[in-house]
């Protein structure tokens, strides 16, 4: 029984190791990208044809603000709390 348990455990560990290597016995190599450190754009040679237009009237419309209800309960009477406080003071 003990031998069977040891064999099963060794088989499980070897399966997980085989799965981590990709199943081929080799480890996967990671791909590394190398980007340019500096790139220069020359816009001096760029010519654009067309008419320059300016905006005629820039206005911002006032919008109605949303009014939210308060999340607090409004209470008109605090007599009970005042009485409790007075009893604690006495």
N, C-alpha and C. Protein backbone atom coordinates (compact mmCIF):
# COMPACT_ATOMS: atom_id res chain seq x y z
N UNK A 1 0.83 -1.19 0.00
CA UNK A 1 0.00 0.00 0.00
C UNK A 1 0.87 1.26 0.00
N UNK A 2 1.94 1.19 0.79
CA UNK A 2 2.84 2.33 0.88
C UNK A 2 3.57 2.57 -0.45
N UNK A 3 3.95 1.50 -1.09
CA UNK A 3 4.63 1.63 -2.38
C UNK A 3 3.71 2.25 -3.43
N UNK A 4 2.46 1.83 -3.40
CA UNK A 4 1.49 2.37 -4.36
C UNK A 4 1.30 3.87 -4.14
N UNK A 5 1.24 4.29 -2.90
CA UNK A 5 1.09 5.71 -2.59
C UNK A 5 2.30 6.51 -3.07
N UNK A 6 3.49 5.95 -2.86
CA UNK A 6 4.71 6.65 -3.30
C UNK A 6 4.76 6.74 -4.82
N UNK A 7 4.38 5.68 -5.50
CA UNK A 7 4.39 5.69 -6.96
C UNK A 7 3.37 6.70 -7.50
N UNK A 8 2.21 6.76 -6.89
CA UNK A 8 1.18 7.72 -7.35
C UNK A 8 1.64 9.14 -7.13
N UNK A 9 2.23 9.42 -5.97
CA UNK A 9 2.73 10.77 -5.70
C UNK A 9 3.85 11.16 -6.65
N UNK A 10 4.76 10.25 -6.94
CA UNK A 10 5.83 10.55 -7.89
C UNK A 10 5.27 10.81 -9.28
N UNK A 11 4.24 10.06 -9.66
CA UNK A 11 3.61 10.27 -10.95
C UNK A 11 2.94 11.63 -11.03
N UNK A 12 2.27 12.05 -9.95
CA UNK A 12 1.62 13.37 -9.95
C UNK A 12 2.64 14.49 -10.06
N UNK A 13 3.74 14.39 -9.33
CA UNK A 13 4.76 15.43 -9.39
C UNK A 13 5.42 15.49 -10.76
N UNK A 14 5.63 14.34 -11.38
CA UNK A 14 6.26 14.36 -12.70
C UNK A 14 5.31 14.92 -13.75
N UNK A 15 4.00 14.70 -13.59
CA UNK A 15 3.03 15.25 -14.54
C UNK A 15 2.99 16.77 -14.44
N UNK A 16 3.03 17.30 -13.20
CA UNK A 16 3.00 18.76 -13.06
C UNK A 16 4.28 19.38 -13.60
N UNK A 17 5.42 18.73 -13.41
CA UNK A 17 6.67 19.26 -13.96
C UNK A 17 6.65 19.21 -15.48
N UNK A 18 6.10 18.16 -16.04
CA UNK A 18 6.00 18.03 -17.49
C UNK A 18 5.06 19.10 -18.05
N UNK A 19 3.98 19.42 -17.33
CA UNK A 19 3.03 20.43 -17.79
C UNK A 19 3.64 21.82 -17.75
N UNK A 20 4.50 22.08 -16.77
CA UNK A 20 5.12 23.40 -16.67
C UNK A 20 6.13 23.64 -17.80
N UNK A 21 6.71 22.61 -18.31
CA UNK A 21 7.69 22.80 -19.39
C UNK A 21 7.04 22.84 -20.75
N UNK A 22 5.74 22.71 -20.83
CA UNK A 22 5.06 22.77 -22.10
C UNK A 22 4.87 21.41 -22.72
N UNK A 23 5.21 20.37 -22.03
CA UNK A 23 5.00 19.02 -22.54
C UNK A 23 6.09 18.52 -23.46
N UNK A 24 7.09 19.33 -23.80
CA UNK A 24 8.13 18.91 -24.73
C UNK A 24 9.45 18.68 -24.02
N UNK A 25 9.48 18.95 -22.73
CA UNK A 25 10.73 18.76 -22.00
C UNK A 25 11.61 19.99 -22.03
N UNK A 26 11.25 21.02 -22.76
CA UNK A 26 12.02 22.25 -22.84
C UNK A 26 11.25 23.36 -22.11
N UNK A 27 11.97 24.29 -21.60
CA UNK A 27 11.30 25.45 -21.00
C UNK A 27 11.02 26.46 -22.09
N UNK A 28 9.92 27.20 -21.92
CA UNK A 28 9.55 28.20 -22.92
C UNK A 28 10.44 29.43 -22.75
N UNK A 29 10.86 30.01 -23.86
CA UNK A 29 11.63 31.24 -23.81
C UNK A 29 10.67 32.41 -23.98
N UNK A 30 10.90 33.44 -23.20
CA UNK A 30 10.02 34.59 -23.28
C UNK A 30 10.50 35.53 -24.39
N UNK A 31 9.58 36.18 -25.03
CA UNK A 31 9.88 37.11 -26.11
C UNK A 31 10.10 38.48 -25.51
N UNK A 32 11.20 39.11 -25.86
CA UNK A 32 11.49 40.44 -25.36
C UNK A 32 11.46 41.41 -26.53
N UNK A 33 10.71 42.49 -26.35
CA UNK A 33 10.61 43.52 -27.37
C UNK A 33 11.54 44.66 -26.99
N UNK A 34 12.23 45.20 -27.98
CA UNK A 34 13.10 46.33 -27.74
C UNK A 34 12.62 47.49 -28.62
N UNK A 35 12.27 48.58 -27.96
CA UNK A 35 11.75 49.74 -28.66
C UNK A 35 12.85 50.78 -28.84
N UNK A 36 12.62 51.69 -29.79
CA UNK A 36 13.58 52.76 -30.02
C UNK A 36 13.63 53.68 -28.82
N UNK A 37 14.81 54.14 -28.49
CA UNK A 37 14.97 55.06 -27.37
C UNK A 37 14.45 56.45 -27.71
N UNK A 38 14.64 56.87 -28.97
CA UNK A 38 14.25 58.22 -29.36
C UNK A 38 13.84 58.18 -30.82
N UNK A 39 12.78 58.90 -31.14
CA UNK A 39 12.35 58.98 -32.53
C UNK A 39 12.03 60.44 -32.84
N UNK A 40 12.53 60.93 -33.94
CA UNK A 40 12.39 62.34 -34.31
C UNK A 40 11.47 62.44 -35.52
N UNK A 41 10.51 63.37 -35.44
CA UNK A 41 9.61 63.64 -36.56
C UNK A 41 9.92 65.03 -37.10
N UNK A 42 10.06 65.15 -38.40
CA UNK A 42 10.34 66.43 -39.03
C UNK A 42 9.06 66.93 -39.70
N UNK A 43 8.44 67.94 -39.09
CA UNK A 43 7.21 68.51 -39.64
C UNK A 43 7.49 69.73 -40.52
N UNK A 44 8.74 70.08 -40.72
CA UNK A 44 9.09 71.24 -41.54
C UNK A 44 8.71 71.03 -43.01
N UNK A 45 8.80 69.85 -43.49
CA UNK A 45 8.52 69.56 -44.88
C UNK A 45 7.03 69.31 -45.14
N UNK A 46 6.24 69.29 -44.10
CA UNK A 46 4.83 68.97 -44.22
C UNK A 46 4.07 70.22 -44.67
N UNK A 47 3.34 70.11 -45.75
CA UNK A 47 2.55 71.25 -46.23
C UNK A 47 1.08 70.84 -46.26
N UNK A 48 0.26 71.73 -45.76
CA UNK A 48 -1.18 71.48 -45.70
C UNK A 48 -1.88 72.53 -46.54
N UNK A 49 -2.77 72.08 -47.38
CA UNK A 49 -3.51 73.03 -48.23
C UNK A 49 -4.93 73.16 -47.70
N UNK A 50 -5.42 74.39 -47.75
CA UNK A 50 -6.78 74.62 -47.30
C UNK A 50 -6.93 75.99 -46.67
N UNK A 51 -8.12 76.31 -46.23
CA UNK A 51 -8.40 77.60 -45.60
C UNK A 51 -8.41 77.45 -44.09
N UNK A 52 -7.89 78.47 -43.42
CA UNK A 52 -7.90 78.48 -41.97
C UNK A 52 -9.21 79.11 -41.52
N UNK A 53 -9.96 78.39 -40.74
CA UNK A 53 -11.24 78.89 -40.25
C UNK A 53 -11.16 79.10 -38.74
N UNK A 54 -11.75 80.19 -38.28
CA UNK A 54 -11.81 80.43 -36.85
C UNK A 54 -13.25 80.23 -36.39
N UNK A 55 -13.43 79.75 -35.20
CA UNK A 55 -14.80 79.59 -34.72
C UNK A 55 -15.45 80.95 -34.51
N UNK A 56 -16.70 81.06 -34.95
CA UNK A 56 -17.39 82.34 -34.86
C UNK A 56 -17.80 82.71 -33.45
N UNK A 57 -18.50 81.83 -32.78
CA UNK A 57 -19.00 82.15 -31.46
C UNK A 57 -18.84 80.93 -30.57
N UNK A 58 -18.08 81.12 -29.54
CA UNK A 58 -17.89 80.02 -28.59
C UNK A 58 -18.74 80.32 -27.36
N UNK A 59 -19.73 79.51 -27.14
CA UNK A 59 -20.58 79.72 -25.97
C UNK A 59 -20.71 78.40 -25.21
N UNK A 60 -20.93 78.56 -23.94
CA UNK A 60 -21.17 77.40 -23.10
C UNK A 60 -22.56 77.57 -22.52
N UNK A 61 -23.40 76.61 -22.80
CA UNK A 61 -24.76 76.70 -22.30
C UNK A 61 -24.80 76.27 -20.85
N UNK A 62 -25.57 77.03 -20.07
CA UNK A 62 -25.73 76.69 -18.67
C UNK A 62 -26.71 75.53 -18.59
N UNK A 63 -26.36 74.54 -17.82
CA UNK A 63 -27.25 73.41 -17.71
C UNK A 63 -27.85 73.34 -16.31
N UNK A 64 -28.98 72.73 -16.26
CA UNK A 64 -29.69 72.62 -15.01
C UNK A 64 -29.00 71.59 -14.12
N UNK A 65 -28.75 71.96 -12.88
CA UNK A 65 -28.08 71.04 -11.96
C UNK A 65 -29.07 70.10 -11.33
N UNK A 66 -28.66 68.88 -11.15
CA UNK A 66 -29.51 67.86 -10.56
C UNK A 66 -29.56 68.07 -9.05
N UNK A 67 -30.75 68.04 -8.48
CA UNK A 67 -30.89 68.15 -7.04
C UNK A 67 -31.16 66.75 -6.49
N UNK A 68 -30.36 66.36 -5.53
CA UNK A 68 -30.50 65.05 -4.92
C UNK A 68 -31.18 65.19 -3.57
N UNK A 69 -31.93 64.15 -3.22
CA UNK A 69 -32.53 64.15 -1.90
C UNK A 69 -31.45 63.84 -0.88
N UNK A 70 -31.60 64.39 0.31
CA UNK A 70 -30.63 64.08 1.34
C UNK A 70 -30.86 62.67 1.84
N UNK A 71 -29.80 62.04 2.25
CA UNK A 71 -29.90 60.68 2.75
C UNK A 71 -30.18 60.66 4.25
N UNK A 72 -30.20 61.82 4.88
CA UNK A 72 -30.46 61.90 6.31
C UNK A 72 -31.94 62.06 6.57
N UNK A 73 -32.39 61.42 7.64
CA UNK A 73 -33.79 61.60 8.02
C UNK A 73 -33.92 62.95 8.71
N UNK A 74 -34.96 63.66 8.41
CA UNK A 74 -35.21 64.92 9.10
C UNK A 74 -36.09 64.65 10.30
N UNK A 75 -35.65 65.12 11.45
CA UNK A 75 -36.40 64.93 12.69
C UNK A 75 -36.75 66.29 13.26
N UNK A 76 -37.95 66.41 13.71
CA UNK A 76 -38.40 67.67 14.29
C UNK A 76 -38.34 67.64 15.81
N UNK A 77 -38.28 66.45 16.40
CA UNK A 77 -38.39 66.35 17.83
C UNK A 77 -37.25 65.49 18.37
N UNK A 78 -36.46 66.06 19.30
CA UNK A 78 -35.36 65.35 19.93
C UNK A 78 -35.59 65.21 21.43
N UNK A 79 -36.83 65.23 21.86
CA UNK A 79 -37.13 65.20 23.29
C UNK A 79 -36.61 63.94 23.96
N UNK A 80 -36.75 62.80 23.33
CA UNK A 80 -36.33 61.55 23.94
C UNK A 80 -34.82 61.54 24.18
N UNK A 81 -34.02 61.99 23.22
CA UNK A 81 -32.57 62.03 23.38
C UNK A 81 -32.16 63.01 24.47
N UNK A 82 -32.86 64.14 24.56
CA UNK A 82 -32.55 65.14 25.58
C UNK A 82 -32.83 64.56 26.96
N UNK A 83 -33.91 63.83 27.11
CA UNK A 83 -34.25 63.23 28.40
C UNK A 83 -33.20 62.19 28.81
N UNK A 84 -32.77 61.37 27.84
CA UNK A 84 -31.75 60.37 28.14
C UNK A 84 -30.46 61.05 28.59
N UNK A 85 -30.06 62.11 27.91
CA UNK A 85 -28.86 62.84 28.27
C UNK A 85 -28.97 63.45 29.65
N UNK A 86 -30.13 63.99 29.98
CA UNK A 86 -30.33 64.59 31.30
C UNK A 86 -30.24 63.53 32.40
N UNK A 87 -30.75 62.33 32.12
CA UNK A 87 -30.66 61.27 33.12
C UNK A 87 -29.21 60.84 33.33
N UNK A 88 -28.41 60.86 32.28
CA UNK A 88 -27.00 60.49 32.42
C UNK A 88 -26.22 61.54 33.21
N UNK A 89 -26.62 62.81 33.08
CA UNK A 89 -25.93 63.88 33.78
C UNK A 89 -26.24 63.81 35.29
N UNK A 90 -27.47 63.48 35.63
CA UNK A 90 -27.87 63.44 37.05
C UNK A 90 -27.23 62.38 37.82
